[in-house]
């Protein structure tokens, strides 16, 4: 069946994207407002997009009631800094708590009783229990359409918990042990990264 995305309603487009582009990694983003209020919120319109410089992209949907930026986007626009914390299964409930629509003056890290650690290159703190945290600065913020802000961020510093590093010189990581979770189809559904299979990459074809 063909779906013309140019003709569909917003909710139908959203359902198609959320039900097909899966699993999606979760960026549990910590930011700080100009007045010092801490914010944490999860976003699954997120991925890595480059390595020179190392970059991530965030798709931050706007407030459906007001059409304005939500707290995360507002804080990044004001300060240019954020931390992407990856989400392990043990943090699922706390991550979900921070998805609440909250006033800008609420400290969501305190609200969800989340322990933090200081960052080294940016002001926002990182989540202590996260297996991996990326300290980032905003390179570009793009207003793409009436409903979303795209943020391209450069990763300045990466924190990886020691127990997940198999060989620090070769940077071999025990990714399965991190027990990272992702978003899948429908409202409230998540995936574990435990059902895996491996294929060898094809060898290069001979050149003429």
Foldseek 3Di string as FASTA:
>chain_A
DDDDPVPDDPVVVVQVCQAPPDFFWKFFKWFAAPVGAIATAIARQKDWDDVVPTKMKGKFWDDPVPLHRALVVNRCVHFQWMKGFFDAPVCVVLNVQRNDRDDNRDRSCVVSVFDWDADDPDGTTHTPLGQKMFIWGWPDWDDDDSTIIMTMIGGDDMDGDPVQQPDVVVRDGNVLVSQTKGRHHDPPDIDTPPDDDDDDDDDDDDDD
